[in-house]
PDB file of N, CA and C in Angstrom:
ATOM      1  N   MET A   1     113.171  67.431 101.552  1.00  0.00           N
ATOM      2  CA  MET A   1     112.886  68.827 101.819  1.00  0.00           C
ATOM      3  C   MET A   1     112.937  69.091 103.309  1.00  0.00           C
ATOM      4  N   GLN A   2     113.527  70.202 103.668  1.00  0.00           N
ATOM      5  CA  GLN A   2     113.567  70.593 105.066  1.00  0.00           C
ATOM      6  C   GLN A   2     112.614  71.753 105.289  1.00  0.00           C
ATOM      7  N   ALA A   3     111.966  71.738 106.449  1.00  0.00           N
ATOM      8  CA  ALA A   3     111.112  72.859 106.800  1.00  0.00           C
ATOM      9  C   ALA A   3     111.995  74.056 107.128  1.00  0.00           C
ATOM     10  N   GLU A   4     111.549  75.213 106.711  1.00  0.00           N
ATOM     11  CA  GLU A   4     112.319  76.426 106.986  1.00  0.00           C
ATOM     12  C   GLU A   4     112.236  76.761 108.467  1.00  0.00           C
ATOM     13  N   ALA A   5     113.375  76.984 109.087  1.00  0.00           N
ATOM     14  CA  ALA A   5     113.424  77.307 110.510  1.00  0.00           C
ATOM     15  C   ALA A   5     112.930  78.732 110.724  1.00  0.00           C
ATOM     16  N   VAL A   6     112.092  78.879 111.725  1.00  0.00           N
ATOM     17  CA  VAL A   6     111.574  80.193 112.073  1.00  0.00           C
ATOM     18  C   VAL A   6     112.332  80.682 113.291  1.00  0.00           C
ATOM     19  N   GLU A   7     112.921  81.855 113.174  1.00  0.00           N
ATOM     20  CA  GLU A   7     113.667  82.409 114.297  1.00  0.00           C
ATOM     21  C   GLU A   7     112.705  83.086 115.261  1.00  0.00           C
ATOM     22  N   LYS A   8     112.749  82.640 116.502  1.00  0.00           N
ATOM     23  CA  LYS A   8     111.875  83.207 117.521  1.00  0.00           C
ATOM     24  C   LYS A   8     112.495  84.482 118.063  1.00  0.00           C
ATOM     25  N   GLU A   9     111.634  85.402 118.492  1.00  0.00           N
ATOM     26  CA  GLU A   9     112.129  86.672 118.996  1.00  0.00           C
ATOM     27  C   GLU A   9     111.303  87.165 120.174  1.00  0.00           C
ATOM     28  N   THR A  10     111.819  88.184 120.832  1.00  0.00           N
ATOM     29  CA  THR A  10     111.127  88.809 121.947  1.00  0.00           C
ATOM     30  C   THR A  10     110.267  89.942 121.410  1.00  0.00           C
ATOM     31  N   TYR A  11     109.019  89.956 121.813  1.00  0.00           N
ATOM     32  CA  TYR A  11     108.088  91.001 121.401  1.00  0.00           C
ATOM     33  C   TYR A  11     107.767  91.898 122.583  1.00  0.00           C
ATOM     34  N   ALA A  12     107.523  93.182 122.296  1.00  0.00           N
ATOM     35  CA  ALA A  12     107.114  94.137 123.320  1.00  0.00           C
ATOM     36  C   ALA A  12     105.714  94.661 123.018  1.00  0.00           C
ATOM     37  N   ASP A  13     105.086  94.104 122.003  1.00  0.00           N
ATOM     38  CA  ASP A  13     103.759  94.537 121.572  1.00  0.00           C
ATOM     39  C   ASP A  13     102.885  93.293 121.430  1.00  0.00           C
ATOM     40  N   LEU A  14     101.838  93.217 122.232  1.00  0.00           N
ATOM     41  CA  LEU A  14     100.975  92.034 122.217  1.00  0.00           C
ATOM     42  C   LEU A  14     100.315  91.841 120.861  1.00  0.00           C
ATOM     43  N   THR A  15      99.889  92.917 120.222  1.00  0.00           N
ATOM     44  CA  THR A  15      99.231  92.813 118.917  1.00  0.00           C
ATOM     45  C   THR A  15     100.152  92.176 117.887  1.00  0.00           C
ATOM     46  N   LYS A  16     101.401  92.616 117.855  1.00  0.00           N
ATOM     47  CA  LYS A  16     102.363  92.041 116.905  1.00  0.00           C
ATOM     48  C   LYS A  16     102.683  90.594 117.257  1.00  0.00           C
ATOM     49  N   ALA A  17     102.755  90.298 118.536  1.00  0.00           N
ATOM     50  CA  ALA A  17     103.016  88.922 118.962  1.00  0.00           C
ATOM     51  C   ALA A  17     101.877  88.006 118.530  1.00  0.00           C
ATOM     52  N   LEU A  18     100.643  88.486 118.642  1.00  0.00           N
ATOM     53  CA  LEU A  18      99.490  87.676 118.249  1.00  0.00           C
ATOM     54  C   LEU A  18      99.431  87.470 116.738  1.00  0.00           C
ATOM     55  N   GLN A  19     100.021  88.373 115.978  1.00  0.00           N
ATOM     56  CA  GLN A  19     100.070  88.227 114.520  1.00  0.00           C
ATOM     57  C   GLN A  19     101.089  87.171 114.101  1.00  0.00           C
ATOM     58  N   ASN A  20     102.050  86.878 114.982  1.00  0.00           N
ATOM     59  CA  ASN A  20     103.114  85.913 114.692  1.00  0.00           C
ATOM     60  C   ASN A  20     103.307  84.966 115.873  1.00  0.00           C
ATOM     61  N   PRO A  21     102.282  84.257 116.301  1.00  0.00           N
ATOM     62  CA  PRO A  21     102.379  83.479 117.545  1.00  0.00           C
ATOM     63  C   PRO A  21     103.457  82.401 117.552  1.00  0.00           C
ATOM     64  N   LEU A  22     103.799  81.862 116.406  1.00  0.00           N
ATOM     65  CA  LEU A  22     104.814  80.813 116.361  1.00  0.00           C
ATOM     66  C   LEU A  22     106.230  81.368 116.442  1.00  0.00           C
ATOM     67  N   ASN A  23     106.375  82.676 116.291  1.00  0.00           N
ATOM     68  CA  ASN A  23     107.691  83.310 116.322  1.00  0.00           C
ATOM     69  C   ASN A  23     108.030  83.888 117.687  1.00  0.00           C
ATOM     70  N   VAL A  24     107.118  83.802 118.648  1.00  0.00           N
ATOM     71  CA  VAL A  24     107.312  84.459 119.940  1.00  0.00           C
ATOM     72  C   VAL A  24     108.165  83.598 120.865  1.00  0.00           C
ATOM     73  N   LEU A  25     109.306  84.131 121.241  1.00  0.00           N
ATOM     74  CA  LEU A  25     110.152  83.498 122.247  1.00  0.00           C
ATOM     75  C   LEU A  25     109.743  83.999 123.621  1.00  0.00           C
ATOM     76  N   SER A  26     109.594  85.307 123.740  1.00  0.00           N
ATOM     77  CA  SER A  26     109.129  85.907 124.989  1.00  0.00           C
ATOM     78  C   SER A  26     108.358  87.180 124.671  1.00  0.00           C
ATOM     79  N   LEU A  27     107.583  87.618 125.652  1.00  0.00           N
ATOM     80  CA  LEU A  27     106.749  88.800 125.503  1.00  0.00           C
ATOM     81  C   LEU A  27     107.014  89.707 126.691  1.00  0.00           C
ATOM     82  N   ASP A  28     107.536  90.896 126.427  1.00  0.00           N
ATOM     83  CA  ASP A  28     107.869  91.855 127.481  1.00  0.00           C
ATOM     84  C   ASP A  28     106.877  93.010 127.423  1.00  0.00           C
ATOM     85  N   LEU A  29     105.919  92.999 128.336  1.00  0.00           N
ATOM     86  CA  LEU A  29     104.904  94.046 128.376  1.00  0.00           C
ATOM     87  C   LEU A  29     105.167  95.044 129.496  1.00  0.00           C
ATOM     88  N   SER A  30     106.368  95.059 130.023  1.00  0.00           N
ATOM     89  CA  SER A  30     106.677  95.900 131.180  1.00  0.00           C
ATOM     90  C   SER A  30     106.531  97.395 130.894  1.00  0.00           C
ATOM     91  N   LEU A  31     106.704  97.818 129.673  1.00  0.00           N
ATOM     92  CA  LEU A  31     106.592  99.241 129.343  1.00  0.00           C
ATOM     93  C   LEU A  31     105.188  99.640 128.899  1.00  0.00           C
ATOM     94  N   GLN A  32     104.252  98.694 128.910  1.00  0.00           N
ATOM     95  CA  GLN A  32     102.899  98.967 128.444  1.00  0.00           C
ATOM     96  C   GLN A  32     102.004  99.593 129.514  1.00  0.00           C
ATOM     97  N   GLY A  33     102.412  99.529 130.768  1.00  0.00           N
ATOM     98  CA  GLY A  33     101.618 100.118 131.845  1.00  0.00           C
ATOM     99  C   GLY A  33     100.331  99.370 132.150  1.00  0.00           C
ATOM    100  N   ILE A  34     100.296  98.081 131.831  1.00  0.00           N
ATOM    101  CA  ILE A  34      99.089  97.306 132.112  1.00  0.00           C
ATOM    102  C   ILE A  34      99.143  96.758 133.536  1.00  0.00           C
ATOM    103  N   THR A  35      97.972  96.579 134.137  1.00  0.00           N
ATOM    104  CA  THR A  35      97.912  96.045 135.501  1.00  0.00           C
ATOM    105  C   THR A  35      97.348  94.633 135.542  1.00  0.00           C
ATOM    106  N   THR A  36      96.679  94.219 134.472  1.00  0.00           N
ATOM    107  CA  THR A  36      96.172  92.847 134.369  1.00  0.00           C
ATOM    108  C   THR A  36      96.503  92.321 132.976  1.00  0.00           C
ATOM    109  N   LEU A  37      96.656  91.025 132.889  1.00  0.00           N
ATOM    110  CA  LEU A  37      96.948  90.417 131.592  1.00  0.00           C
ATOM    111  C   LEU A  37      95.675  90.340 130.760  1.00  0.00           C
ATOM    112  N   PRO A  38      95.737  90.764 129.509  1.00  0.00           N
ATOM    113  CA  PRO A  38      94.572  90.654 128.641  1.00  0.00           C
ATOM    114  C   PRO A  38      94.300  89.190 128.307  1.00  0.00           C
ATOM    115  N   PRO A  39      93.038  88.819 128.126  1.00  0.00           N
ATOM    116  CA  PRO A  39      92.706  87.414 127.840  1.00  0.00           C
ATOM    117  C   PRO A  39      93.342  86.895 126.549  1.00  0.00           C
ATOM    118  N   GLU A  40      93.635  87.770 125.606  1.00  0.00           N
ATOM    119  CA  GLU A  40      94.240  87.355 124.332  1.00  0.00           C
ATOM    120  C   GLU A  40      95.604  86.716 124.520  1.00  0.00           C
ATOM    121  N   ILE A  41      96.231  86.974 125.638  1.00  0.00           N
ATOM    122  CA  ILE A  41      97.565  86.419 125.877  1.00  0.00           C
ATOM    123  C   ILE A  41      97.525  84.888 125.890  1.00  0.00           C
ATOM    124  N   GLY A  42      96.366  84.328 126.172  1.00  0.00           N
ATOM    125  CA  GLY A  42      96.195  82.881 126.177  1.00  0.00           C
ATOM    126  C   GLY A  42      96.327  82.247 124.801  1.00  0.00           C
ATOM    127  N   GLN A  43      96.315  83.052 123.752  1.00  0.00           N
ATOM    128  CA  GLN A  43      96.470  82.535 122.390  1.00  0.00           C
ATOM    129  C   GLN A  43      97.920  82.180 122.076  1.00  0.00           C
ATOM    130  N   LEU A  44      98.846  82.671 122.897  1.00  0.00           N
ATOM    131  CA  LEU A  44     100.261  82.365 122.692  1.00  0.00           C
ATOM    132  C   LEU A  44     100.580  81.032 123.353  1.00  0.00           C
ATOM    133  N   LEU A  45     101.348  80.212 122.680  1.00  0.00           N
ATOM    134  CA  LEU A  45     101.564  78.846 123.134  1.00  0.00           C
ATOM    135  C   LEU A  45     102.599  78.711 124.229  1.00  0.00           C
ATOM    136  N   ASN A  46     103.604  79.538 124.232  1.00  0.00           N
ATOM    137  CA  ASN A  46     104.684  79.344 125.192  1.00  0.00           C
ATOM    138  C   ASN A  46     104.788  80.515 126.123  1.00  0.00           C
TER     139      ASN A  46
END
């Protein structure tokens, strides 16, 4: 049996990225207007 490959993608929404942390290739928050990184970002592995 082979494990099913998960395709990683770029997210622009931190909430959605946190719901799928293993699928996150990159996180682009440039359009969110934030000035500091939220602590939840530490939950993402890469």
